[in-house]
Amino acid sequence: NKSKNKAGEGIEPGINLEGVYKGTLVAVCCKLQEGNQKIGPGDVRAFGGTLHREGYKNGILVTSGDFGAGGLAVVNGFRRRGINVKLVNRYGLMDLARQAGIGAFELDDASPGRDFRAGNEKRARVLATGFRDSAFASRKKAKSYFLYGLLLYGGYMLLKGHYLLGYLYLFFAVLNFFMGVGCLFFGRSLEEADPLEGLAD
């Protein structure tokens, strides 16, 4: 996929990059989240308006944070007008970076002069983030966790006479219930395996 920086070329300020994704021309806007302030529907609406004025049919609004309530409703409104806007939050951004093999996810601790303790701390942060993203990445996973939890609890009820094995089933049943709650609490609102899925359709 090709991209080109459009800054300084007279392009609307709301568009930072122009690229090609699966043969489709795409305009990209990058928003840096300030503090705990989320990207609101007004920002999404402004970006969609820019796409319309500039003649783009596809656009990606990327943020290092997250989107507030109402953004998806604006996206659906533009889709009905023939303009496809994809919202990519920090989780989607990490997914894209991993798919592209960005160096931020590669740990080169063997470089001369590198502090191994700093490298270990970085590895721990990456592993923790990776575990959180894989375990709680989508609210859709909650259904599976709750289902497995119920099955395991059923196994516990059947094996109550077997002390050790029964409590082992109970432990994993409770663990799955907690994982399901974690998905509901931490799961991202943009539930797409591929953050750009449907963009080139």
N, C-alpha and C. Protein backbone atom coordinates (compact mmCIF):
# COMPACT_ATOMS: atom_id res chain seq x y z
N ASN A 1 0.83 -1.19 0.00
CA ASN A 1 0.00 0.00 0.00
C ASN A 1 0.87 1.24 0.00
N LYS A 2 0.53 2.18 -0.84
CA LYS A 2 1.34 3.38 -1.00
C LYS A 2 0.70 4.55 -0.26
N SER A 3 1.56 5.49 0.18
CA SER A 3 1.04 6.68 0.83
C SER A 3 1.93 7.86 0.51
N LYS A 4 1.36 9.06 0.65
CA LYS A 4 2.11 10.26 0.34
C LYS A 4 1.68 11.36 1.30
N ASN A 5 2.67 12.06 1.87
CA ASN A 5 2.38 13.16 2.78
C ASN A 5 1.86 14.34 1.97
N LYS A 6 0.67 14.84 2.37
CA LYS A 6 0.05 15.92 1.63
C LYS A 6 0.26 17.28 2.28
N ALA A 7 1.01 17.33 3.39
CA ALA A 7 1.21 18.60 4.08
C ALA A 7 1.92 19.59 3.18
N GLY A 8 1.45 20.82 3.16
CA GLY A 8 2.10 21.87 2.39
C GLY A 8 1.79 21.83 0.92
N GLU A 9 0.82 21.00 0.49
CA GLU A 9 0.49 20.90 -0.93
C GLU A 9 -0.88 21.51 -1.23
N GLY A 10 -1.36 22.37 -0.35
CA GLY A 10 -2.63 23.01 -0.58
C GLY A 10 -3.83 22.14 -0.30
N ILE A 11 -3.62 21.00 0.33
CA ILE A 11 -4.72 20.10 0.66
C ILE A 11 -5.38 20.58 1.95
N GLU A 12 -6.66 20.32 2.09
CA GLU A 12 -7.43 20.70 3.27
C GLU A 12 -6.68 20.28 4.54
N PRO A 13 -6.58 21.16 5.56
CA PRO A 13 -5.82 20.85 6.77
C PRO A 13 -6.27 19.58 7.47
N GLY A 14 -7.53 19.15 7.29
CA GLY A 14 -8.01 17.95 7.95
C GLY A 14 -7.46 16.67 7.37
N ILE A 15 -6.72 16.74 6.27
CA ILE A 15 -6.14 15.55 5.64
C ILE A 15 -4.63 15.62 5.76
N ASN A 16 -4.04 14.63 6.44
CA ASN A 16 -2.60 14.60 6.63
C ASN A 16 -1.88 13.75 5.61
N LEU A 17 -2.53 12.68 5.16
CA LEU A 17 -1.90 11.74 4.23
C LEU A 17 -2.91 11.31 3.17
N GLU A 18 -2.36 10.97 2.02
CA GLU A 18 -3.16 10.35 0.97
C GLU A 18 -2.48 9.05 0.60
N GLY A 19 -3.22 7.96 0.59
CA GLY A 19 -2.62 6.67 0.30
C GLY A 19 -3.52 5.80 -0.55
N VAL A 20 -3.02 4.61 -0.86
CA VAL A 20 -3.78 3.63 -1.64
C VAL A 20 -3.83 2.35 -0.82
N TYR A 21 -5.03 1.89 -0.52
CA TYR A 21 -5.24 0.66 0.25
C TYR A 21 -6.05 -0.31 -0.59
N LYS A 22 -5.41 -1.42 -0.98
CA LYS A 22 -6.06 -2.43 -1.83
C LYS A 22 -6.64 -1.81 -3.09
N GLY A 23 -5.87 -0.90 -3.68
CA GLY A 23 -6.28 -0.27 -4.93
C GLY A 23 -7.27 0.87 -4.78
N THR A 24 -7.58 1.25 -3.55
CA THR A 24 -8.55 2.31 -3.29
C THR A 24 -7.86 3.54 -2.74
N LEU A 25 -8.15 4.73 -3.31
CA LEU A 25 -7.58 5.98 -2.83
C LEU A 25 -8.19 6.32 -1.47
N VAL A 26 -7.32 6.60 -0.50
CA VAL A 26 -7.77 6.84 0.87
C VAL A 26 -7.11 8.11 1.42
N ALA A 27 -7.91 8.95 2.08
CA ALA A 27 -7.39 10.12 2.78
C ALA A 27 -7.31 9.80 4.27
N VAL A 28 -6.23 10.25 4.91
CA VAL A 28 -5.99 9.92 6.32
C VAL A 28 -5.86 11.20 7.14
N CYS A 29 -6.54 11.21 8.28
CA CYS A 29 -6.41 12.31 9.23
C CYS A 29 -5.93 11.73 10.55
N CYS A 30 -4.88 12.31 11.13
CA CYS A 30 -4.30 11.84 12.39
C CYS A 30 -4.62 12.82 13.51
N LYS A 31 -5.21 12.33 14.59
CA LYS A 31 -5.58 13.16 15.73
C LYS A 31 -4.84 12.68 16.97
N LEU A 32 -4.09 13.58 17.61
CA LEU A 32 -3.40 13.26 18.85
C LEU A 32 -4.34 13.57 20.01
N GLN A 33 -4.62 12.56 20.83
CA GLN A 33 -5.52 12.77 21.95
C GLN A 33 -4.82 13.56 23.04
N GLU A 34 -5.47 14.58 23.54
CA GLU A 34 -4.92 15.42 24.60
C GLU A 34 -5.54 15.03 25.93
N GLY A 35 -4.70 14.49 26.83
CA GLY A 35 -5.19 14.07 28.13
C GLY A 35 -6.22 12.97 28.02
N ASN A 36 -7.31 13.12 28.76
CA ASN A 36 -8.39 12.13 28.73
C ASN A 36 -9.51 12.51 27.77
N GLN A 37 -9.29 13.57 27.00
CA GLN A 37 -10.31 14.05 26.08
C GLN A 37 -10.39 13.12 24.86
N LYS A 38 -11.58 12.56 24.62
CA LYS A 38 -11.77 11.65 23.49
C LYS A 38 -12.12 12.43 22.22
N ILE A 39 -11.91 11.77 21.10
CA ILE A 39 -12.27 12.37 19.81
C ILE A 39 -13.79 12.28 19.66
N GLY A 40 -14.44 13.43 19.58
CA GLY A 40 -15.89 13.46 19.58
C GLY A 40 -16.50 13.38 18.19
N PRO A 41 -17.82 13.29 18.13
CA PRO A 41 -18.52 13.21 16.84
C PRO A 41 -18.31 14.45 15.98
N GLY A 42 -18.03 15.60 16.61
CA GLY A 42 -17.77 16.82 15.83
C GLY A 42 -16.53 16.68 14.98
N ASP A 43 -15.49 16.04 15.54
CA ASP A 43 -14.26 15.81 14.77
C ASP A 43 -14.52 14.86 13.60
N VAL A 44 -15.31 13.82 13.87
CA VAL A 44 -15.64 12.86 12.81
C VAL A 44 -16.44 13.54 11.71
N ARG A 45 -17.39 14.38 12.11
CA ARG A 45 -18.22 15.10 11.14
C ARG A 45 -17.38 16.06 10.31
N ALA A 46 -16.43 16.74 10.96
CA ALA A 46 -15.56 17.67 10.23
C ALA A 46 -14.70 16.94 9.21
N PHE A 47 -14.19 15.76 9.59
CA PHE A 47 -13.36 14.98 8.68
C PHE A 47 -14.19 14.49 7.50
N GLY A 48 -15.41 14.01 7.78
CA GLY A 48 -16.28 13.56 6.70
C GLY A 48 -16.63 14.69 5.75
N GLY A 49 -16.84 15.89 6.30
CA GLY A 49 -17.11 17.05 5.46
C GLY A 49 -15.93 17.40 4.57
N THR A 50 -14.73 17.27 5.13
CA THR A 50 -13.52 17.51 4.33
C THR A 50 -13.41 16.52 3.19
N LEU A 51 -13.70 15.24 3.48
CA LEU A 51 -13.67 14.22 2.42
C LEU A 51 -14.65 14.58 1.31
N HIS A 52 -15.83 15.03 1.70
CA HIS A 52 -16.86 15.38 0.71
C HIS A 52 -16.40 16.56 -0.16
N ARG A 53 -15.84 17.60 0.47
CA ARG A 53 -15.40 18.78 -0.28
C ARG A 53 -14.25 18.46 -1.22
N GLU A 54 -13.34 17.58 -0.76
CA GLU A 54 -12.16 17.26 -1.56
C GLU A 54 -12.40 16.13 -2.56
N GLY A 55 -13.59 15.54 -2.54
CA GLY A 55 -13.92 14.52 -3.53
C GLY A 55 -13.45 13.12 -3.18
N TYR A 56 -13.12 12.86 -1.91
CA TYR A 56 -12.71 11.51 -1.50
C TYR A 56 -13.94 10.67 -1.15
N LYS A 57 -13.87 9.40 -1.45
CA LYS A 57 -14.94 8.47 -1.09
C LYS A 57 -14.57 7.61 0.11
N ASN A 58 -13.27 7.57 0.46
CA ASN A 58 -12.80 6.75 1.56
C ASN A 58 -11.82 7.54 2.42
N GLY A 59 -11.97 7.41 3.73
CA GLY A 59 -11.07 8.12 4.63
C GLY A 59 -10.88 7.36 5.94
N ILE A 60 -9.73 7.58 6.57
CA ILE A 60 -9.41 6.95 7.85
C ILE A 60 -9.09 8.05 8.86
N LEU A 61 -9.80 8.04 9.97
CA LEU A 61 -9.53 8.97 11.06
C LEU A 61 -8.83 8.19 12.17
N VAL A 62 -7.56 8.53 12.41
CA VAL A 62 -6.72 7.78 13.34
C VAL A 62 -6.47 8.63 14.58
N THR A 63 -6.52 8.00 15.76
CA THR A 63 -6.19 8.71 16.98
C THR A 63 -5.32 7.83 17.88
N SER A 64 -4.47 8.47 18.67
CA SER A 64 -3.65 7.75 19.63
C SER A 64 -4.45 7.41 20.88
N GLY A 65 -5.69 7.90 20.95
CA GLY A 65 -6.53 7.63 22.11
C GLY A 65 -7.76 6.82 21.73
N ASP A 66 -8.93 7.39 21.98
CA ASP A 66 -10.17 6.68 21.68
C ASP A 66 -11.23 7.67 21.22
N PHE A 67 -12.33 7.12 20.73
CA PHE A 67 -13.43 7.94 20.23
C PHE A 67 -14.57 7.98 21.25
N GLY A 68 -15.18 9.14 21.36
CA GLY A 68 -16.31 9.29 22.26
C GLY A 68 -17.59 8.77 21.65
N ALA A 69 -18.66 8.81 22.45
CA ALA A 69 -19.96 8.34 21.98
C ALA A 69 -20.47 9.22 20.84
N GLY A 70 -21.14 8.59 19.91
CA GLY A 70 -21.73 9.33 18.80
C GLY A 70 -20.94 9.30 17.52
N GLY A 71 -19.68 8.86 17.59
CA GLY A 71 -18.85 8.84 16.39
C GLY A 71 -19.34 7.87 15.34
N LEU A 72 -19.76 6.67 15.77
CA LEU A 72 -20.21 5.66 14.81
C LEU A 72 -21.51 6.09 14.12
N ALA A 73 -22.36 6.83 14.83
CA ALA A 73 -23.59 7.32 14.21
C ALA A 73 -23.27 8.29 13.07
N VAL A 74 -22.25 9.12 13.27
CA VAL A 74 -21.82 10.05 12.21
C VAL A 74 -21.26 9.27 11.03
N VAL A 75 -20.47 8.22 11.34
CA VAL A 75 -19.90 7.38 10.28
C VAL A 75 -21.01 6.75 9.44
N ASN A 76 -22.05 6.24 10.11
CA ASN A 76 -23.18 5.62 9.39
C ASN A 76 -23.90 6.64 8.52
N GLY A 77 -23.99 7.88 9.00
CA GLY A 77 -24.62 8.92 8.20
C GLY A 77 -23.86 9.22 6.93
N PHE A 78 -22.53 9.28 7.03
CA PHE A 78 -21.72 9.52 5.83
C PHE A 78 -21.75 8.32 4.90
N ARG A 79 -21.84 7.11 5.46
CA ARG A 79 -21.90 5.92 4.60
C ARG A 79 -23.13 5.95 3.71
N ARG A 80 -24.23 6.42 4.26
CA ARG A 80 -25.46 6.52 3.45
C ARG A 80 -25.31 7.54 2.32
N ARG A 81 -24.36 8.46 2.49
CA ARG A 81 -24.11 9.46 1.44
C ARG A 81 -23.00 9.01 0.50
N GLY A 82 -22.52 7.77 0.67
CA GLY A 82 -21.50 7.24 -0.23
C GLY A 82 -20.08 7.55 0.18
N ILE A 83 -19.87 8.02 1.42
CA ILE A 83 -18.52 8.32 1.91
C ILE A 83 -18.20 7.35 3.03
N ASN A 84 -17.13 6.57 2.85
CA ASN A 84 -16.75 5.53 3.80
C ASN A 84 -15.67 6.06 4.74
N VAL A 85 -16.01 6.23 6.01
CA VAL A 85 -15.07 6.71 7.02
C VAL A 85 -14.79 5.58 8.00
N LYS A 86 -13.52 5.27 8.22
CA LYS A 86 -13.13 4.27 9.20
C LYS A 86 -12.48 4.97 10.39
N LEU A 87 -12.89 4.58 11.60
CA LEU A 87 -12.32 5.13 12.83
C LEU A 87 -11.34 4.12 13.41
N VAL A 88 -10.11 4.54 13.61
CA VAL A 88 -9.06 3.66 14.14
C VAL A 88 -8.55 4.26 15.44
N ASN A 89 -8.85 3.59 16.57
CA ASN A 89 -8.38 4.08 17.86
C ASN A 89 -7.03 3.46 18.19
N ARG A 90 -6.59 3.62 19.45
CA ARG A 90 -5.23 3.17 19.80
C ARG A 90 -5.07 1.66 19.64
N TYR A 91 -6.14 0.89 19.90
CA TYR A 91 -6.05 -0.56 19.74
C TYR A 91 -5.94 -0.94 18.27
N GLY A 92 -6.74 -0.30 17.45
CA GLY A 92 -6.65 -0.55 16.01
C GLY A 92 -5.31 -0.14 15.45
N LEU A 93 -4.76 0.96 16.00
CA LEU A 93 -3.46 1.44 15.56
C LEU A 93 -2.38 0.42 15.89
N MET A 94 -2.47 -0.19 17.09
CA MET A 94 -1.50 -1.22 17.47
C MET A 94 -1.64 -2.46 16.60
N ASP A 95 -2.88 -2.81 16.26
CA ASP A 95 -3.10 -3.96 15.37
C ASP A 95 -2.44 -3.72 14.01
N LEU A 96 -2.64 -2.52 13.46
CA LEU A 96 -2.05 -2.18 12.17
C LEU A 96 -0.53 -2.18 12.25
N ALA A 97 0.01 -1.66 13.36
CA ALA A 97 1.47 -1.62 13.52
C ALA A 97 2.05 -3.03 13.58
N ARG A 98 1.37 -3.93 14.28
CA ARG A 98 1.84 -5.31 14.34
C ARG A 98 1.78 -5.97 12.97
N GLN A 99 0.69 -5.74 12.24
CA GLN A 99 0.56 -6.32 10.91
C GLN A 99 1.65 -5.83 9.97
N ALA A 100 2.04 -4.56 10.16
CA ALA A 100 3.06 -3.98 9.29
C ALA A 100 4.47 -4.28 9.78
N GLY A 101 4.62 -4.88 10.98
CA GLY A 101 5.94 -5.19 11.51
C GLY A 101 6.71 -3.96 11.93
N ILE A 102 6.00 -2.98 12.51
CA ILE A 102 6.65 -1.75 12.95
C ILE A 102 7.65 -2.06 14.06
N GLY A 103 8.79 -1.38 14.05
CA GLY A 103 9.87 -1.64 14.98
C GLY A 103 9.52 -1.45 16.44
N ALA A 104 8.45 -0.69 16.74
CA ALA A 104 8.08 -0.47 18.14
C ALA A 104 7.72 -1.78 18.82
N PHE A 105 7.38 -2.82 18.04
CA PHE A 105 7.00 -4.09 18.62
C PHE A 105 8.12 -5.13 18.47
N GLU A 106 9.30 -4.68 18.07
CA GLU A 106 10.45 -5.56 17.95
C GLU A 106 11.48 -5.13 18.99
N LEU A 107 11.94 -6.07 19.80
CA LEU A 107 12.86 -5.75 20.89
C LEU A 107 14.27 -6.17 20.51
N ASP A 108 15.12 -5.20 20.26
CA ASP A 108 16.50 -5.47 19.87
C ASP A 108 17.39 -5.17 21.05
N ASP A 109 17.41 -6.09 22.04
CA ASP A 109 18.18 -5.85 23.26
C ASP A 109 19.67 -6.07 23.06
N ALA A 110 20.07 -6.62 21.93
CA ALA A 110 21.48 -6.94 21.74
C ALA A 110 22.27 -5.79 21.15
N SER A 111 21.63 -4.64 20.94
CA SER A 111 22.34 -3.51 20.36
C SER A 111 23.42 -3.02 21.31
N PRO A 112 24.59 -2.62 20.78
CA PRO A 112 25.68 -2.14 21.64
C PRO A 112 25.24 -0.95 22.48
N GLY A 113 25.60 -1.01 23.76
CA GLY A 113 25.31 0.10 24.64
C GLY A 113 23.90 0.13 25.18
N ARG A 114 23.08 -0.86 24.84
CA ARG A 114 21.69 -0.85 25.29
C ARG A 114 21.62 -1.29 26.75
N ASP A 115 20.80 -0.62 27.54
CA ASP A 115 20.56 -0.97 28.93
C ASP A 115 19.62 -2.17 28.97
N PHE A 116 20.13 -3.33 29.46
CA PHE A 116 19.32 -4.53 29.45
C PHE A 116 18.12 -4.42 30.38
N ARG A 117 18.26 -3.67 31.48
CA ARG A 117 17.13 -3.50 32.37
C ARG A 117 16.01 -2.73 31.68
N ALA A 118 16.40 -1.70 30.93
CA ALA A 118 15.40 -0.93 30.17
C ALA A 118 14.73 -1.82 29.13
N GLY A 119 15.54 -2.71 28.51
CA GLY A 119 14.98 -3.62 27.52
C GLY A 119 13.99 -4.59 28.15
N ASN A 120 14.32 -5.09 29.35
CA ASN A 120 13.41 -5.99 30.04
C ASN A 120 12.11 -5.30 30.44
N GLU A 121 12.24 -4.04 30.88
CA GLU A 121 11.04 -3.28 31.24
C GLU A 121 10.17 -3.06 30.01
N LYS A 122 10.82 -2.76 28.87
CA LYS A 122 10.06 -2.56 27.64
C LYS A 122 9.37 -3.84 27.22
N ARG A 123 10.08 -4.97 27.35
CA ARG A 123 9.49 -6.26 26.99
C ARG A 123 8.28 -6.55 27.88
N ALA A 124 8.41 -6.26 29.17
CA ALA A 124 7.30 -6.50 30.09
C ALA A 124 6.09 -5.66 29.73
N ARG A 125 6.33 -4.39 29.36
CA ARG A 125 5.21 -3.52 28.97
C ARG A 125 4.54 -4.03 27.71
N VAL A 126 5.34 -4.44 26.73
CA VAL A 126 4.79 -4.94 25.47
C VAL A 126 3.99 -6.22 25.70
N LEU A 127 4.54 -7.13 26.53
CA LEU A 127 3.84 -8.38 26.81
C LEU A 127 2.54 -8.13 27.55
N ALA A 128 2.58 -7.19 28.52
CA ALA A 128 1.37 -6.87 29.27
C ALA A 128 0.31 -6.28 28.36
N THR A 129 0.74 -5.37 27.47
CA THR A 129 -0.20 -4.76 26.53
C THR A 129 -0.75 -5.81 25.57
N GLY A 130 0.14 -6.69 25.09
CA GLY A 130 -0.29 -7.73 24.18
C GLY A 130 -1.30 -8.68 24.82
N PHE A 131 -1.05 -9.03 26.10
CA PHE A 131 -1.99 -9.91 26.80
C PHE A 131 -3.34 -9.23 26.98
N ARG A 132 -3.31 -7.97 27.39
CA ARG A 132 -4.57 -7.24 27.58
C ARG A 132 -5.34 -7.15 26.27
N ASP A 133 -4.63 -6.84 25.17
CA ASP A 133 -5.30 -6.68 23.88
C ASP A 133 -5.86 -8.00 23.37
N SER A 134 -5.12 -9.10 23.60
CA SER A 134 -5.61 -10.39 23.10
C SER A 134 -6.71 -10.96 23.98
N ALA A 135 -6.61 -10.74 25.30
CA ALA A 135 -7.60 -11.30 26.22
C ALA A 135 -8.88 -10.49 26.27
N PHE A 136 -8.74 -9.16 26.21
CA PHE A 136 -9.90 -8.29 26.37
C PHE A 136 -10.15 -7.42 25.15
N ALA A 137 -9.65 -7.83 23.98
CA ALA A 137 -9.66 -6.96 22.81
C ALA A 137 -11.07 -6.60 22.35
N SER A 138 -12.02 -7.51 22.51
CA SER A 138 -13.35 -7.27 21.96
C SER A 138 -14.42 -7.71 22.94
N ARG A 139 -15.49 -6.95 23.00
CA ARG A 139 -16.62 -7.33 23.85
C ARG A 139 -17.29 -8.60 23.36
N LYS A 140 -17.07 -8.93 22.09
CA LYS A 140 -17.66 -10.16 21.55
C LYS A 140 -17.09 -11.40 22.24
N LYS A 141 -15.88 -11.29 22.80
CA LYS A 141 -15.27 -12.44 23.47
C LYS A 141 -15.97 -12.76 24.78
N ALA A 142 -16.69 -11.79 25.35
CA ALA A 142 -17.34 -12.00 26.63
C ALA A 142 -18.31 -13.18 26.56
N LYS A 143 -19.04 -13.31 25.46
CA LYS A 143 -20.00 -14.40 25.29
C LYS A 143 -19.32 -15.75 25.40
N SER A 144 -18.15 -15.89 24.76
CA SER A 144 -17.42 -17.16 24.82
C SER A 144 -16.93 -17.45 26.23
N TYR A 145 -16.40 -16.41 26.90
CA TYR A 145 -15.91 -16.61 28.27
C TYR A 145 -17.05 -17.07 29.19
N PHE A 146 -18.21 -16.42 29.08
CA PHE A 146 -19.33 -16.79 29.94
C PHE A 146 -19.82 -18.21 29.62
N LEU A 147 -19.82 -18.58 28.33
CA LEU A 147 -20.25 -19.92 27.94
C LEU A 147 -19.31 -20.98 28.51
N TYR A 148 -17.99 -20.75 28.35
CA TYR A 148 -17.02 -21.70 28.91
C TYR A 148 -17.13 -21.75 30.43
N GLY A 149 -17.38 -20.60 31.04
CA GLY A 149 -17.53 -20.58 32.49
C GLY A 149 -18.70 -21.42 32.95
N LEU A 150 -19.83 -21.34 32.23
CA LEU A 150 -21.00 -22.15 32.58
C LEU A 150 -20.72 -23.64 32.40
N LEU A 151 -20.03 -23.98 31.31
CA LEU A 151 -19.69 -25.39 31.06
C LEU A 151 -18.78 -25.93 32.16
N LEU A 152 -17.79 -25.13 32.54
CA LEU A 152 -16.87 -25.56 33.59
C LEU A 152 -17.58 -25.66 34.94
N TYR A 153 -18.51 -24.73 35.18
CA TYR A 153 -19.27 -24.80 36.44
C TYR A 153 -20.14 -26.05 36.46
N GLY A 154 -20.70 -26.41 35.29
CA GLY A 154 -21.45 -27.65 35.19
C GLY A 154 -20.58 -28.86 35.50
N GLY A 155 -19.33 -28.81 35.01
CA GLY A 155 -18.38 -29.88 35.33
C GLY A 155 -18.09 -29.95 36.81
N TYR A 156 -18.00 -28.79 37.45
CA TYR A 156 -17.77 -28.75 38.90
C TYR A 156 -18.93 -29.40 39.65
N MET A 157 -20.17 -29.10 39.22
CA MET A 157 -21.34 -29.67 39.89
C MET A 157 -21.37 -31.19 39.75
N LEU A 158 -20.92 -31.69 38.59
CA LEU A 158 -20.90 -33.13 38.37
C LEU A 158 -19.79 -33.82 39.15
N LEU A 159 -18.73 -33.07 39.44
CA LEU A 159 -17.55 -33.67 40.08
C LEU A 159 -17.38 -33.21 41.53
N LYS A 160 -18.47 -32.80 42.17
CA LYS A 160 -18.36 -32.30 43.54
C LYS A 160 -17.82 -33.37 44.49
N GLY A 161 -18.05 -34.64 44.14
CA GLY A 161 -17.53 -35.71 44.98
C GLY A 161 -16.03 -35.89 44.87
N HIS A 162 -15.44 -35.39 43.78
CA HIS A 162 -13.99 -35.47 43.57
C HIS A 162 -13.40 -34.11 43.98
N TYR A 163 -12.90 -34.03 45.18
CA TYR A 163 -12.52 -32.75 45.79
C TYR A 163 -11.58 -31.94 44.90
N LEU A 164 -10.41 -32.48 44.56
CA LEU A 164 -9.38 -31.72 43.84
C LEU A 164 -9.84 -31.37 42.43
N LEU A 165 -10.33 -32.35 41.69
CA LEU A 165 -10.73 -32.11 40.30
C LEU A 165 -11.94 -31.18 40.24
N GLY A 166 -12.86 -31.33 41.17
CA GLY A 166 -14.04 -30.47 41.19
C GLY A 166 -13.67 -29.02 41.41
N TYR A 167 -12.78 -28.76 42.36
CA TYR A 167 -12.39 -27.38 42.64
C TYR A 167 -11.52 -26.80 41.53
N LEU A 168 -10.83 -27.67 40.80
CA LEU A 168 -10.08 -27.20 39.64
C LEU A 168 -11.05 -26.67 38.57
N TYR A 169 -12.13 -27.40 38.35
CA TYR A 169 -13.17 -26.93 37.42
C TYR A 169 -13.78 -25.63 37.91
N LEU A 170 -14.02 -25.53 39.21
CA LEU A 170 -14.61 -24.31 39.77
C LEU A 170 -13.69 -23.12 39.59
N PHE A 171 -12.39 -23.34 39.79
CA PHE A 171 -11.41 -22.25 39.64
C PHE A 171 -11.45 -21.69 38.22
N PHE A 172 -11.41 -22.58 37.22
CA PHE A 172 -11.40 -22.11 35.84
C PHE A 172 -12.76 -21.54 35.43
N ALA A 173 -13.84 -22.01 36.04
CA ALA A 173 -15.15 -21.42 35.77
C ALA A 173 -15.18 -19.97 36.24
N VAL A 174 -14.71 -19.74 37.48
CA VAL A 174 -14.67 -18.37 38.02
C VAL A 174 -13.73 -17.51 37.19
N LEU A 175 -12.59 -18.06 36.77
CA LEU A 175 -11.64 -17.31 35.95
C LEU A 175 -12.29 -16.86 34.64
N ASN A 176 -13.04 -17.75 34.01
CA ASN A 176 -13.72 -17.39 32.76
C ASN A 176 -14.78 -16.32 32.97
N PHE A 177 -15.49 -16.39 34.10
CA PHE A 177 -16.48 -15.36 34.39
C PHE A 177 -15.80 -14.00 34.55
N PHE A 178 -14.65 -13.98 35.26
CA PHE A 178 -13.91 -12.72 35.43
C PHE A 178 -13.39 -12.21 34.09
N MET A 179 -12.93 -13.12 33.23
CA MET A 179 -12.45 -12.71 31.91
C MET A 179 -13.59 -12.12 31.09
N GLY A 180 -14.78 -12.70 31.21
CA GLY A 180 -15.94 -12.16 30.51
C GLY A 180 -16.28 -10.77 30.97
N VAL A 181 -16.24 -10.56 32.29
CA VAL A 181 -16.50 -9.22 32.83
C VAL A 181 -15.42 -8.25 32.36
N GLY A 182 -14.17 -8.73 32.31
CA GLY A 182 -13.07 -7.89 31.82
C GLY A 182 -13.28 -7.46 30.38
N CYS A 183 -13.80 -8.36 29.55
CA CYS A 183 -14.09 -8.01 28.15
C CYS A 183 -15.14 -6.92 28.07
N LEU A 184 -16.18 -7.03 28.90
CA LEU A 184 -17.24 -6.03 28.88
C LEU A 184 -16.72 -4.67 29.35
N PHE A 185 -15.77 -4.70 30.28
CA PHE A 185 -15.27 -3.45 30.86
C PHE A 185 -14.18 -2.82 30.01
N PHE A 186 -13.23 -3.66 29.54
CA PHE A 186 -12.07 -3.14 28.80
C PHE A 186 -12.22 -3.24 27.29
N GLY A 187 -13.17 -4.05 26.83
CA GLY A 187 -13.29 -4.29 25.39
C GLY A 187 -13.51 -3.01 24.62
N ARG A 188 -12.88 -2.90 23.48
CA ARG A 188 -12.99 -1.68 22.69
C ARG A 188 -14.34 -1.62 21.99
N SER A 189 -14.77 -0.43 21.67
CA SER A 189 -16.07 -0.24 21.05
C SER A 189 -16.03 -0.52 19.55
N LEU A 190 -14.86 -0.43 18.94
CA LEU A 190 -14.73 -0.74 17.51
C LEU A 190 -14.30 -2.18 17.38
N GLU A 191 -15.25 -3.09 17.22
CA GLU A 191 -14.98 -4.51 17.32
C GLU A 191 -14.70 -5.10 15.95
N GLU A 192 -13.52 -4.84 15.42
CA GLU A 192 -13.14 -5.34 14.11
C GLU A 192 -11.79 -6.02 14.21
N ALA A 193 -11.68 -7.25 13.66
CA ALA A 193 -10.40 -7.93 13.65
C ALA A 193 -9.40 -7.14 12.82
N ASP A 194 -9.86 -6.63 11.70
CA ASP A 194 -9.06 -5.76 10.85
C ASP A 194 -9.63 -4.35 10.96
N PRO A 195 -8.87 -3.39 11.51
CA PRO A 195 -9.40 -2.03 11.67
C PRO A 195 -9.84 -1.39 10.36
N LEU A 196 -9.31 -1.87 9.23
CA LEU A 196 -9.66 -1.29 7.94
C LEU A 196 -10.61 -2.18 7.14
N GLU A 197 -11.19 -3.18 7.80
CA GLU A 197 -12.09 -4.11 7.11
C GLU A 197 -13.25 -3.35 6.47
N GLY A 198 -13.52 -3.63 5.22
CA GLY A 198 -14.62 -3.01 4.51
C GLY A 198 -14.27 -1.71 3.82
N LEU A 199 -13.05 -1.20 4.04
CA LEU A 199 -12.68 0.09 3.47
C LEU A 199 -12.62 0.04 1.95
N ALA A 200 -12.10 -1.06 1.41
CA ALA A 200 -11.92 -1.15 -0.05
C ALA A 200 -13.05 -1.91 -0.73
N ASP A 201 -14.16 -2.16 0.01
CA ASP A 201 -15.27 -2.89 -0.61
C ASP A 201 -16.02 -2.03 -1.61
